[in-house]
């Protein structure tokens, strides 16, 4: 894997430049909060999650669709919990 700090910067950019303002904010804030806590594996899982469509991620957060196996992991669970705490 490339330098971990460069990878983190790329992920943060990818998270905060999604295409929709709401998801830019949500994913950007989530990534900013947790990125330094993630190990190499979790950073890779985050990268896979960030490849998903905004609308699909939003439906996962709202529990309108089941979490597919390829992103059913700790990172996705943290994102769902993070998004739900914003509504409290």
N, C-alpha and C. Protein backbone atom coordinates (compact mmCIF):
# COMPACT_ATOMS: atom_id res chain seq x y z
N UNK A 1 0.86 -1.19 0.00
CA UNK A 1 0.00 0.00 0.00
C UNK A 1 0.90 1.24 0.00
N UNK A 2 0.43 2.25 -0.71
CA UNK A 2 1.19 3.49 -0.76
C UNK A 2 1.33 4.07 0.64
N UNK A 3 2.10 5.11 0.76
CA UNK A 3 2.27 5.78 2.04
C UNK A 3 0.90 5.99 2.68
N UNK A 4 0.77 5.58 3.93
CA UNK A 4 -0.52 5.59 4.62
C UNK A 4 -1.11 7.00 4.73
N UNK A 5 -0.27 7.99 4.94
CA UNK A 5 -0.78 9.37 5.06
C UNK A 5 -1.30 9.90 3.73
N UNK A 6 -0.64 9.54 2.65
CA UNK A 6 -1.12 9.95 1.33
C UNK A 6 -2.45 9.25 1.04
N UNK A 7 -2.55 7.98 1.39
CA UNK A 7 -3.80 7.23 1.20
C UNK A 7 -4.93 7.86 2.01
N UNK A 8 -4.64 8.24 3.26
CA UNK A 8 -5.65 8.91 4.09
C UNK A 8 -6.12 10.21 3.45
N UNK A 9 -5.20 10.99 2.92
CA UNK A 9 -5.56 12.26 2.28
C UNK A 9 -6.44 12.01 1.05
N UNK A 10 -6.12 10.99 0.27
CA UNK A 10 -6.93 10.65 -0.89
C UNK A 10 -8.34 10.22 -0.48
N UNK A 11 -8.42 9.44 0.59
CA UNK A 11 -9.73 9.00 1.07
C UNK A 11 -10.55 10.17 1.59
N UNK A 12 -9.92 11.08 2.30
CA UNK A 12 -10.62 12.25 2.82
C UNK A 12 -11.15 13.10 1.67
N UNK A 13 -10.35 13.27 0.64
CA UNK A 13 -10.80 14.01 -0.53
C UNK A 13 -11.98 13.29 -1.20
N UNK A 14 -11.82 11.99 -1.38
CA UNK A 14 -12.86 11.19 -2.02
C UNK A 14 -14.17 11.24 -1.22
N UNK A 15 -14.06 11.27 0.09
CA UNK A 15 -15.24 11.29 0.95
C UNK A 15 -15.95 12.63 0.91
N UNK A 16 -15.20 13.70 0.75
CA UNK A 16 -15.80 15.04 0.84
C UNK A 16 -16.10 15.66 -0.52
N UNK A 17 -15.85 14.93 -1.59
CA UNK A 17 -16.15 15.39 -2.95
C UNK A 17 -16.93 14.31 -3.69
N UNK A 18 -18.14 14.05 -3.19
CA UNK A 18 -18.94 12.94 -3.67
C UNK A 18 -19.86 13.31 -4.83
N UNK A 19 -20.29 14.55 -4.86
CA UNK A 19 -21.20 14.95 -5.93
C UNK A 19 -22.49 15.56 -5.41
N UNK A 20 -22.90 15.13 -4.22
CA UNK A 20 -24.05 15.77 -3.60
C UNK A 20 -23.59 16.44 -2.31
N UNK A 21 -24.06 17.63 -2.08
CA UNK A 21 -23.61 18.42 -0.93
C UNK A 21 -23.83 17.69 0.39
N UNK A 22 -25.00 17.07 0.53
CA UNK A 22 -25.33 16.38 1.78
C UNK A 22 -24.36 15.23 2.06
N UNK A 23 -24.08 14.45 1.03
CA UNK A 23 -23.16 13.32 1.22
C UNK A 23 -21.72 13.80 1.35
N UNK A 24 -21.37 14.91 0.68
CA UNK A 24 -20.04 15.50 0.88
C UNK A 24 -19.84 15.80 2.36
N UNK A 25 -20.85 16.41 2.96
CA UNK A 25 -20.76 16.79 4.38
C UNK A 25 -20.75 15.55 5.27
N UNK A 26 -21.70 14.65 5.06
CA UNK A 26 -21.81 13.46 5.91
C UNK A 26 -20.56 12.59 5.81
N UNK A 27 -20.20 12.21 4.60
CA UNK A 27 -19.05 11.32 4.43
C UNK A 27 -17.74 12.01 4.78
N UNK A 28 -17.64 13.30 4.46
CA UNK A 28 -16.43 14.05 4.80
C UNK A 28 -16.24 14.14 6.30
N UNK A 29 -17.31 14.48 7.03
CA UNK A 29 -17.21 14.59 8.49
C UNK A 29 -16.94 13.24 9.13
N UNK A 30 -17.61 12.21 8.64
CA UNK A 30 -17.37 10.86 9.16
C UNK A 30 -15.90 10.46 8.97
N UNK A 31 -15.42 10.64 7.76
CA UNK A 31 -14.05 10.25 7.45
C UNK A 31 -13.06 11.06 8.27
N UNK A 32 -13.29 12.35 8.37
CA UNK A 32 -12.40 13.20 9.16
C UNK A 32 -12.34 12.75 10.62
N UNK A 33 -13.48 12.34 11.16
CA UNK A 33 -13.53 11.91 12.56
C UNK A 33 -12.80 10.59 12.81
N UNK A 34 -12.93 9.65 11.88
CA UNK A 34 -12.43 8.29 12.14
C UNK A 34 -11.15 7.91 11.41
N UNK A 35 -10.74 8.64 10.43
CA UNK A 35 -9.66 8.18 9.55
C UNK A 35 -8.34 7.89 10.29
N UNK A 36 -8.03 8.67 11.29
CA UNK A 36 -6.78 8.43 12.02
C UNK A 36 -6.87 7.20 12.92
N UNK A 37 -8.08 6.74 13.19
CA UNK A 37 -8.27 5.56 14.04
C UNK A 37 -8.27 4.26 13.25
N UNK A 38 -8.44 4.36 11.93
CA UNK A 38 -8.52 3.17 11.09
C UNK A 38 -7.14 2.61 10.78
N UNK A 39 -7.05 1.28 10.84
CA UNK A 39 -5.81 0.61 10.42
C UNK A 39 -5.85 0.42 8.89
N UNK A 40 -4.82 -0.20 8.35
CA UNK A 40 -4.73 -0.38 6.90
C UNK A 40 -5.96 -1.10 6.33
N UNK A 41 -6.39 -2.14 7.01
CA UNK A 41 -7.54 -2.91 6.53
C UNK A 41 -8.80 -2.05 6.53
N UNK A 42 -9.03 -1.31 7.60
CA UNK A 42 -10.22 -0.47 7.67
C UNK A 42 -10.17 0.67 6.66
N UNK A 43 -8.99 1.17 6.37
CA UNK A 43 -8.87 2.18 5.32
C UNK A 43 -9.27 1.60 3.97
N UNK A 44 -8.88 0.36 3.73
CA UNK A 44 -9.27 -0.32 2.49
C UNK A 44 -10.78 -0.53 2.44
N UNK A 45 -11.37 -0.89 3.57
CA UNK A 45 -12.83 -1.06 3.64
C UNK A 45 -13.54 0.27 3.40
N UNK A 46 -13.00 1.35 3.94
CA UNK A 46 -13.56 2.67 3.70
C UNK A 46 -13.49 3.01 2.21
N UNK A 47 -12.39 2.69 1.59
CA UNK A 47 -12.22 2.95 0.16
C UNK A 47 -13.30 2.23 -0.65
N UNK A 48 -13.58 0.99 -0.31
CA UNK A 48 -14.62 0.23 -1.00
C UNK A 48 -15.99 0.88 -0.76
N UNK A 49 -16.25 1.29 0.46
CA UNK A 49 -17.51 1.94 0.79
C UNK A 49 -17.67 3.24 -0.01
N UNK A 50 -16.60 3.99 -0.14
CA UNK A 50 -16.64 5.25 -0.87
C UNK A 50 -16.87 5.06 -2.37
N UNK A 51 -16.67 3.85 -2.86
CA UNK A 51 -16.94 3.56 -4.27
C UNK A 51 -18.43 3.37 -4.54
N UNK A 52 -19.22 3.22 -3.49
CA UNK A 52 -20.66 3.03 -3.65
C UNK A 52 -21.33 4.36 -4.01
N UNK A 53 -22.47 4.25 -4.66
CA UNK A 53 -23.26 5.41 -5.06
C UNK A 53 -23.84 6.11 -3.82
N UNK A 54 -23.90 7.44 -3.86
CA UNK A 54 -24.43 8.22 -2.73
C UNK A 54 -25.82 7.77 -2.33
N UNK A 55 -26.70 7.61 -3.30
CA UNK A 55 -28.07 7.23 -3.01
C UNK A 55 -28.14 5.87 -2.33
N UNK A 56 -27.29 4.96 -2.76
CA UNK A 56 -27.26 3.62 -2.17
C UNK A 56 -26.77 3.67 -0.73
N UNK A 57 -25.73 4.44 -0.47
CA UNK A 57 -25.23 4.60 0.91
C UNK A 57 -26.31 5.21 1.79
N UNK A 58 -26.99 6.21 1.26
CA UNK A 58 -28.07 6.86 2.00
C UNK A 58 -29.17 5.86 2.36
N UNK A 59 -29.53 4.99 1.42
CA UNK A 59 -30.55 3.98 1.69
C UNK A 59 -30.07 2.98 2.74
N UNK A 60 -28.79 2.67 2.73
CA UNK A 60 -28.23 1.77 3.75
C UNK A 60 -28.33 2.42 5.12
N UNK A 61 -27.96 3.69 5.20
CA UNK A 61 -28.02 4.42 6.48
C UNK A 61 -29.45 4.44 7.02
N UNK A 62 -30.41 4.66 6.13
CA UNK A 62 -31.83 4.71 6.54
C UNK A 62 -32.44 3.33 6.71
N UNK A 63 -31.65 2.28 6.46
CA UNK A 63 -32.10 0.89 6.58
C UNK A 63 -33.24 0.58 5.63
N UNK A 64 -33.21 1.21 4.45
CA UNK A 64 -34.20 0.92 3.41
C UNK A 64 -33.75 -0.24 2.54
N UNK A 65 -32.46 -0.54 2.58
CA UNK A 65 -31.90 -1.71 1.89
C UNK A 65 -30.94 -2.40 2.86
N UNK A 66 -30.78 -3.69 2.66
CA UNK A 66 -29.83 -4.45 3.48
C UNK A 66 -28.40 -4.10 3.08
N UNK A 67 -27.52 -4.21 4.03
CA UNK A 67 -26.11 -3.96 3.74
C UNK A 67 -25.56 -5.15 2.96
N UNK A 68 -25.03 -4.90 1.76
CA UNK A 68 -24.48 -6.02 0.99
C UNK A 68 -23.22 -6.57 1.67
N UNK A 69 -22.96 -7.84 1.44
CA UNK A 69 -21.84 -8.51 2.10
C UNK A 69 -20.51 -7.80 1.91
N UNK A 70 -20.26 -7.25 0.73
CA UNK A 70 -18.94 -6.68 0.46
C UNK A 70 -18.66 -5.39 1.23
N UNK A 71 -19.70 -4.79 1.84
CA UNK A 71 -19.46 -3.61 2.68
C UNK A 71 -20.07 -3.79 4.08
N UNK A 72 -20.42 -5.01 4.43
CA UNK A 72 -20.96 -5.29 5.77
C UNK A 72 -19.79 -5.51 6.72
N UNK A 73 -19.36 -4.42 7.33
CA UNK A 73 -18.19 -4.46 8.19
C UNK A 73 -18.24 -3.33 9.22
N UNK A 74 -17.22 -3.24 10.03
CA UNK A 74 -17.16 -2.25 11.11
C UNK A 74 -17.24 -0.82 10.59
N UNK A 75 -16.62 -0.53 9.47
CA UNK A 75 -16.60 0.83 8.93
C UNK A 75 -18.03 1.26 8.56
N UNK A 76 -18.76 0.40 7.91
CA UNK A 76 -20.14 0.73 7.55
C UNK A 76 -21.00 0.88 8.79
N UNK A 77 -20.81 0.03 9.77
CA UNK A 77 -21.56 0.15 11.03
C UNK A 77 -21.25 1.47 11.71
N UNK A 78 -19.99 1.87 11.73
CA UNK A 78 -19.62 3.16 12.32
C UNK A 78 -20.28 4.32 11.57
N UNK A 79 -20.32 4.22 10.25
CA UNK A 79 -20.97 5.26 9.45
C UNK A 79 -22.45 5.37 9.80
N UNK A 80 -23.13 4.25 9.89
CA UNK A 80 -24.56 4.25 10.23
C UNK A 80 -24.78 4.86 11.61
N UNK A 81 -23.97 4.44 12.57
CA UNK A 81 -24.08 5.00 13.93
C UNK A 81 -23.79 6.49 13.94
N UNK A 82 -22.77 6.91 13.20
CA UNK A 82 -22.40 8.32 13.10
C UNK A 82 -23.56 9.13 12.52
N UNK A 83 -24.15 8.65 11.45
CA UNK A 83 -25.25 9.37 10.79
C UNK A 83 -26.46 9.45 11.72
N UNK A 84 -26.72 8.39 12.46
CA UNK A 84 -27.87 8.38 13.36
C UNK A 84 -27.67 9.30 14.56
N UNK A 85 -26.44 9.49 15.00
CA UNK A 85 -26.20 10.42 16.12
C UNK A 85 -26.42 11.86 15.69
N UNK A 86 -26.32 12.14 14.40
CA UNK A 86 -26.57 13.49 13.90
C UNK A 86 -28.04 13.84 14.00
N UNK A 87 -28.90 12.83 14.01
CA UNK A 87 -30.34 13.06 14.06
C UNK A 87 -30.89 13.15 15.48
N UNK A 88 -30.03 12.93 16.46
CA UNK A 88 -30.50 12.95 17.86
C UNK A 88 -30.53 14.35 18.40
